[in-house]
Amino acid sequence: MKAVVFAYHNMGVVGINALIRAGFKIPLVFTYENNSEEDIWFDSVSELCKKESIGFVVPQNPNTSEWIAKIKAQKPDIIFSFYYRTMLSEEILAVPQYGAYNLHGSYLPFYRGRCPVNWVLIKGEPYTGVTLHEMVEKPDAGEIVSQQKVEIAFEDTALTLFGKLQKAAGEMLADVLPRMLRGDFTKFPQDISRGSYYGGRKPEDGIILWQKSAVDIYNLIRGVTRPYPGAFCYLNEKKIIIWWGVPQQEGLSCPGRITVADSRVLIGTGRGFIELVEVEIDDRTLRKNSLLNFFKQSEGECLL
């Protein structure tokens, strides 16, 4: 069976490797050029294609008549999308006789849309998952082929959770792709009225609102810490990125107020404190003594 693939990021690499192991033929892969302004911490689909001698292209928009004609010329039996960032047109989805399928990084119908790995942490969810579903016009709304749950630990960050999702995706695809190759699989509809949809996130969405609880703020910190842009606040108009902090749920203080006690830097919240562990100020990373010395000068002031 021939599969045209749209892929990017680590999940793109996981998906293509799973297709190869299952016995699919891949005549063409659509991917992206790396953005020089983005922190490239993930694996390269284009490098995998070079290694496996698979043809690949990097169009700005795959939905043009030119690219649709090239897809049709490949005569794919099926299409897969693995973390490709562009919605595919209905004309593309209609090309393969056996349908088009997308790997989504949540347990659908929950957290349809963008950035699910960040959102589930920010919202403090106890679990998420991966889902292979049929692509339709509405994002992440098609019938489900397979899915696998993943538990979220309180210590998970977006990076560690993404690693868990990669593993789960590899396991799920190893099970379902051979069955899809044989035509031995079923689909079931998802009730999106029971689920949720979230949009993309911008760096400015990482601003900390100290009136929230310590746990809520911690969830934001771990949801956008490295390799993502980070949660941040201001001290006298100086931007402070908080790469790591841990919640202390007992105690009262004004939201944002800096307290230095027992060699710890504590920031008041709407309920409890955040103990700062690692921050960045003026491109300098502060931990332990350097962190303590910096905030001693501002004890009693408030972060905004």
Protein backbone atom coordinates (compact mmCIF):
# COMPACT_ATOMS: atom_id res chain seq x y z
CA MET A 1 0.00 0.00 0.00
CA LYS A 2 1.36 3.44 -0.95
CA ALA A 3 1.20 6.26 1.58
CA VAL A 4 1.91 9.93 0.98
CA VAL A 5 2.98 11.36 4.33
CA PHE A 6 2.85 14.83 5.86
CA ALA A 7 5.24 14.90 8.81
CA TYR A 8 7.31 17.06 11.13
CA HIS A 9 8.94 16.97 14.55
CA ASN A 10 9.73 13.85 16.59
CA MET A 11 6.25 12.47 16.00
CA GLY A 12 6.87 12.72 12.27
CA VAL A 13 9.97 10.57 12.67
CA VAL A 14 8.08 8.09 14.87
CA GLY A 15 5.28 7.87 12.32
CA ILE A 16 7.49 7.36 9.27
CA ASN A 17 9.59 4.71 11.02
CA ALA A 18 6.39 2.90 12.03
CA LEU A 19 5.12 2.97 8.43
CA ILE A 20 8.40 1.55 7.15
CA ARG A 21 8.35 -1.25 9.72
CA ALA A 22 4.72 -2.06 8.90
CA GLY A 23 5.54 -2.43 5.20
CA PHE A 24 4.00 0.71 3.68
CA LYS A 25 5.63 2.19 0.58
CA ILE A 26 6.28 5.94 0.93
CA PRO A 27 6.79 7.68 -2.43
CA LEU A 28 6.68 11.23 -1.05
CA VAL A 29 6.87 13.11 2.26
CA PHE A 30 5.79 16.71 2.88
CA THR A 31 7.66 18.43 5.70
CA TYR A 32 9.03 21.86 6.71
CA GLU A 33 12.29 23.68 6.59
CA ASN A 34 13.61 24.50 10.05
CA ASN A 35 12.82 28.02 11.23
CA SER A 36 16.02 29.81 12.28
CA GLU A 37 14.03 31.73 14.92
CA GLU A 38 12.78 28.51 16.56
CA ASP A 39 14.64 26.43 19.13
CA ILE A 40 15.16 23.20 17.16
CA TRP A 41 15.29 20.55 19.86
CA PHE A 42 13.47 17.84 17.92
CA ASP A 43 14.40 15.26 15.27
CA SER A 44 14.47 16.06 11.57
CA VAL A 45 12.02 14.42 9.16
CA SER A 46 14.07 15.57 6.17
CA GLU A 47 17.21 13.90 7.56
CA LEU A 48 15.29 10.66 8.08
CA CYS A 49 14.02 10.84 4.49
CA LYS A 50 17.58 11.28 3.22
CA LYS A 51 18.71 8.31 5.27
CA GLU A 52 15.87 6.11 3.99
CA SER A 53 16.06 7.42 0.39
CA ILE A 54 12.50 8.78 0.53
CA GLY A 55 11.62 11.77 -1.61
CA PHE A 56 10.54 14.84 0.33
CA VAL A 57 9.38 18.38 -0.36
CA VAL A 58 9.03 21.51 1.80
CA PRO A 59 6.27 23.65 0.24
CA GLN A 60 4.99 26.76 1.98
CA ASN A 61 1.44 25.63 1.24
CA PRO A 62 0.64 22.05 0.16
CA ASN A 63 -2.95 22.98 -0.72
CA THR A 64 -2.19 24.69 -4.04
CA SER A 65 -3.29 23.15 -7.34
CA GLU A 66 0.34 22.43 -8.22
CA TRP A 67 0.98 20.34 -5.10
CA ILE A 68 -2.40 18.64 -5.23
CA ALA A 69 -1.55 17.53 -8.77
CA LYS A 70 1.78 16.12 -7.54
CA ILE A 71 -0.02 14.20 -4.77
CA LYS A 72 -2.49 12.76 -7.26
CA ALA A 73 0.39 11.75 -9.55
CA GLN A 74 1.75 9.53 -6.76
CA LYS A 75 -1.58 7.64 -6.68
CA PRO A 76 -1.49 7.08 -2.92
CA ASP A 77 -3.76 4.48 -1.40
CA ILE A 78 -3.73 6.32 1.92
CA ILE A 79 -2.46 9.57 3.45
CA PHE A 80 -0.97 10.04 6.92
CA SER A 81 -0.24 13.23 8.82
CA PHE A 82 2.13 13.12 11.78
CA TYR A 83 2.42 16.51 13.53
CA TYR A 84 2.22 18.40 10.24
CA ARG A 85 1.26 21.97 11.08
CA THR A 86 -0.91 22.86 8.08
CA MET A 87 -4.55 21.80 7.71
CA LEU A 88 -4.97 19.74 4.54
CA SER A 89 -7.69 20.73 2.08
CA GLU A 90 -10.72 18.59 1.38
CA GLU A 91 -9.36 18.07 -2.14
CA ILE A 92 -6.22 16.43 -0.72
CA LEU A 93 -8.20 14.36 1.78
CA ALA A 94 -10.34 13.01 -1.08
CA VAL A 95 -7.37 11.70 -3.10
CA PRO A 96 -6.65 8.30 -1.44
CA GLN A 97 -9.24 5.55 -1.69
CA TYR A 98 -8.56 4.31 1.85
CA GLY A 99 -8.73 7.70 3.52
CA ALA A 100 -6.44 10.18 5.27
CA TYR A 101 -5.41 9.83 8.92
CA ASN A 102 -3.80 12.11 11.48
CA LEU A 103 -1.83 11.41 14.66
CA HIS A 104 -2.95 13.82 17.37
CA GLY A 105 -1.18 14.31 20.70
CA SER A 106 -4.17 14.06 23.02
CA TYR A 107 -6.83 11.59 24.07
CA LEU A 108 -9.60 12.77 21.75
CA PRO A 109 -12.16 14.25 21.90
CA PHE A 110 -10.34 16.16 24.64
CA TYR A 111 -7.84 18.87 23.69
CA ARG A 112 -8.54 19.03 19.99
CA GLY A 113 -6.55 21.78 18.26
CA ARG A 114 -3.10 23.19 18.84
CA CYS A 115 -0.43 22.63 21.50
CA PRO A 116 -2.20 19.83 23.40
CA VAL A 117 0.93 18.77 25.32
CA ASN A 118 1.23 22.30 26.78
CA TRP A 119 -2.47 22.78 27.43
CA VAL A 120 -3.00 19.54 29.37
CA LEU A 121 -0.23 20.53 31.79
CA ILE A 122 -1.42 24.12 32.12
CA LYS A 123 -4.89 22.84 32.93
CA GLY A 124 -3.54 20.31 35.46
CA GLU A 125 -4.92 17.20 33.78
CA PRO A 126 -4.15 13.75 35.28
CA TYR A 127 -3.88 12.04 31.90
CA THR A 128 -3.75 12.63 28.16
CA GLY A 129 -2.86 10.35 25.26
CA VAL A 130 -2.35 9.90 21.54
CA THR A 131 -5.02 9.29 18.92
CA LEU A 132 -4.99 8.18 15.29
CA HIS A 133 -8.10 9.51 13.61
CA GLU A 134 -9.54 10.08 10.15
CA MET A 135 -9.08 13.63 8.86
CA VAL A 136 -12.15 15.69 8.03
CA GLU A 137 -12.71 19.39 7.39
CA LYS A 138 -13.06 20.21 11.09
CA PRO A 139 -9.73 19.84 12.96
CA ASP A 140 -9.21 16.65 14.97
CA ALA A 141 -12.88 15.70 14.66
CA GLY A 142 -12.87 12.60 12.44
CA GLU A 143 -13.56 9.02 13.41
CA ILE A 144 -11.03 7.38 15.71
CA VAL A 145 -8.99 4.38 14.58
CA SER A 146 -6.90 3.88 17.72
CA GLN A 147 -5.84 5.70 20.86
CA GLN A 148 -3.74 5.14 23.95
CA LYS A 149 -3.88 6.87 27.33
CA VAL A 150 -0.82 8.37 29.04
CA GLU A 151 -0.71 9.28 32.73
CA ILE A 152 0.67 12.69 33.65
CA ALA A 153 2.92 12.88 36.71
CA PHE A 154 2.91 16.01 38.87
CA GLU A 155 6.60 16.45 38.03
CA ASP A 156 6.13 16.18 34.25
CA THR A 157 7.11 19.08 32.02
CA ALA A 158 6.08 19.53 28.40
CA LEU A 159 9.34 17.87 27.36
CA THR A 160 9.04 14.80 29.59
CA LEU A 161 5.37 14.39 28.73
CA PHE A 162 6.16 14.67 25.03
CA GLY A 163 8.63 11.80 25.49
CA LYS A 164 5.87 9.69 27.03
CA LEU A 165 3.57 10.53 24.13
CA GLN A 166 6.24 9.57 21.60
CA LYS A 167 6.60 6.17 23.24
CA ALA A 168 2.83 5.68 23.34
CA ALA A 169 2.51 6.71 19.69
CA GLY A 170 5.18 4.21 18.65
CA GLU A 171 3.41 1.42 20.51
CA MET A 172 -0.01 2.35 19.14
CA LEU A 173 1.21 2.62 15.54
CA ALA A 174 3.10 -0.67 15.78
CA ASP A 175 -0.22 -2.29 16.65
CA VAL A 176 -2.61 -0.53 14.29
CA LEU A 177 -0.59 0.09 11.11
CA PRO A 178 -0.12 -3.60 10.16
CA ARG A 179 -3.88 -4.02 10.59
CA MET A 180 -4.56 -0.97 8.42
CA LEU A 181 -2.27 -2.43 5.78
CA ARG A 182 -4.46 -5.55 5.74
CA GLY A 183 -7.70 -3.56 5.91
CA ASP A 184 -8.40 -5.18 9.27
CA PHE A 185 -9.43 -2.21 11.39
CA THR A 186 -12.52 -0.38 12.55
CA LYS A 187 -13.34 3.26 13.25
CA PHE A 188 -15.66 4.80 15.78
CA PRO A 189 -17.05 8.34 15.89
CA GLN A 190 -15.99 10.81 18.54
CA ASP A 191 -18.49 13.00 20.32
CA ILE A 192 -16.78 16.39 20.15
CA SER A 193 -19.55 17.91 22.28
CA ARG A 194 -18.02 15.99 25.22
CA GLY A 195 -14.50 17.16 24.48
CA SER A 196 -12.61 20.44 24.25
CA TYR A 197 -10.74 22.57 21.72
CA TYR A 198 -7.75 24.83 22.34
CA GLY A 199 -5.95 27.19 20.01
CA GLY A 200 -2.25 27.88 19.54
CA ARG A 201 -0.11 29.56 22.16
CA LYS A 202 2.12 32.60 21.76
CA PRO A 203 5.13 33.48 23.94
CA GLU A 204 3.14 36.33 25.53
CA ASP A 205 0.63 33.77 26.81
CA GLY A 206 3.28 32.75 29.34
CA ILE A 207 2.81 35.77 31.60
CA ILE A 208 2.23 34.76 35.24
CA LEU A 209 -0.81 36.02 37.09
CA TRP A 210 0.27 35.87 40.72
CA GLN A 211 -3.33 36.09 41.93
CA LYS A 212 -3.78 32.47 40.83
CA SER A 213 -2.95 29.59 43.17
CA ALA A 214 0.58 28.21 43.54
CA VAL A 215 -0.49 24.97 41.81
CA ASP A 216 -2.02 26.84 38.87
CA ILE A 217 1.16 28.88 38.44
CA TYR A 218 3.31 25.76 38.75
CA ASN A 219 1.24 24.12 36.02
CA LEU A 220 1.94 27.08 33.73
CA ILE A 221 5.66 26.97 34.54
CA ARG A 222 6.01 23.26 33.77
CA GLY A 223 3.77 23.56 30.73
CA VAL A 224 5.98 26.11 28.96
CA THR A 225 9.45 25.61 30.44
CA ARG A 226 12.41 24.68 28.20
CA PRO A 227 12.42 24.01 25.28
CA TYR A 228 9.34 26.24 25.13
CA PRO A 229 9.50 30.04 25.67
CA GLY A 230 8.93 29.94 29.44
CA ALA A 231 6.59 31.55 31.98
CA PHE A 232 7.56 35.11 32.91
CA CYS A 233 6.83 38.16 35.01
CA TYR A 234 8.40 41.56 35.69
CA LEU A 235 10.33 43.21 38.52
CA ASN A 236 10.63 46.97 38.06
CA GLU A 237 10.08 46.54 34.30
CA LYS A 238 12.83 43.89 34.14
CA LYS A 239 11.60 40.66 32.55
CA ILE A 240 12.15 37.50 34.58
CA ILE A 241 11.66 34.10 32.96
CA ILE A 242 10.90 31.43 35.54
CA TRP A 243 12.26 28.19 34.14
CA TRP A 244 11.48 26.23 37.26
CA GLY A 245 9.71 26.73 40.55
CA VAL A 246 7.82 24.44 42.90
CA PRO A 247 4.54 25.09 44.72
CA GLN A 248 4.32 25.46 48.48
CA GLN A 249 0.61 25.28 49.16
CA GLU A 250 0.68 26.45 52.79
CA GLY A 251 1.04 30.04 53.96
CA LEU A 252 -0.31 33.46 53.11
CA SER A 253 1.29 36.43 51.37
CA CYS A 254 0.34 39.14 48.92
CA PRO A 255 0.36 37.83 45.34
CA GLY A 256 3.74 38.46 43.76
CA ARG A 257 5.52 39.55 46.98
CA ILE A 258 9.14 38.40 47.31
CA THR A 259 10.13 36.70 50.57
CA VAL A 260 13.63 35.35 51.28
CA ALA A 261 13.67 32.81 54.11
CA ASP A 262 15.87 29.84 55.06
CA SER A 263 17.95 30.23 51.87
CA ARG A 264 14.80 30.06 49.76
CA VAL A 265 13.15 32.62 47.50
CA LEU A 266 9.37 32.45 47.90
CA ILE A 267 6.85 34.36 45.80
CA GLY A 268 3.35 34.88 47.17
CA THR A 269 0.36 33.73 45.14
CA GLY A 270 -3.41 33.78 45.54
CA ARG A 271 -2.98 30.60 47.60
CA GLY A 272 0.43 29.45 48.81
CA PHE A 273 3.89 30.26 47.46
CA ILE A 274 6.11 29.43 44.50
CA GLU A 275 9.66 28.60 45.54
CA LEU A 276 11.95 29.78 42.75
CA VAL A 277 14.56 27.26 41.57
CA GLU A 278 15.82 28.63 38.26
CA VAL A 279 15.19 31.97 36.56
CA GLU A 280 16.64 33.98 33.71
CA ILE A 281 17.27 37.71 33.90
CA ASP A 282 19.11 39.72 31.22
CA ASP A 283 20.21 36.46 29.54
CA ARG A 284 21.74 35.25 32.83
CA THR A 285 20.54 32.03 34.42
CA LEU A 286 20.28 32.25 38.22
CA ARG A 287 20.17 29.27 40.56
CA LYS A 288 20.97 28.69 44.25
CA ASN A 289 23.34 31.42 45.56
CA SER A 290 23.07 33.70 42.55
CA LEU A 291 19.28 33.43 42.73
CA LEU A 292 19.26 34.13 46.46
CA ASN A 293 21.64 37.11 46.19
CA PHE A 294 19.62 38.72 43.42
CA PHE A 295 16.26 38.54 45.17
CA LYS A 296 17.62 39.57 48.59
CA GLN A 297 18.01 43.05 47.12
CA SER A 298 14.30 43.18 46.30
CA GLU A 299 12.75 41.43 49.31
CA GLY A 300 9.31 42.81 50.06
CA GLU A 301 8.75 44.09 46.53
CA CYS A 302 6.20 42.51 44.22
CA LEU A 303 6.61 40.74 40.92
CA LEU A 304 4.11 41.80 38.29
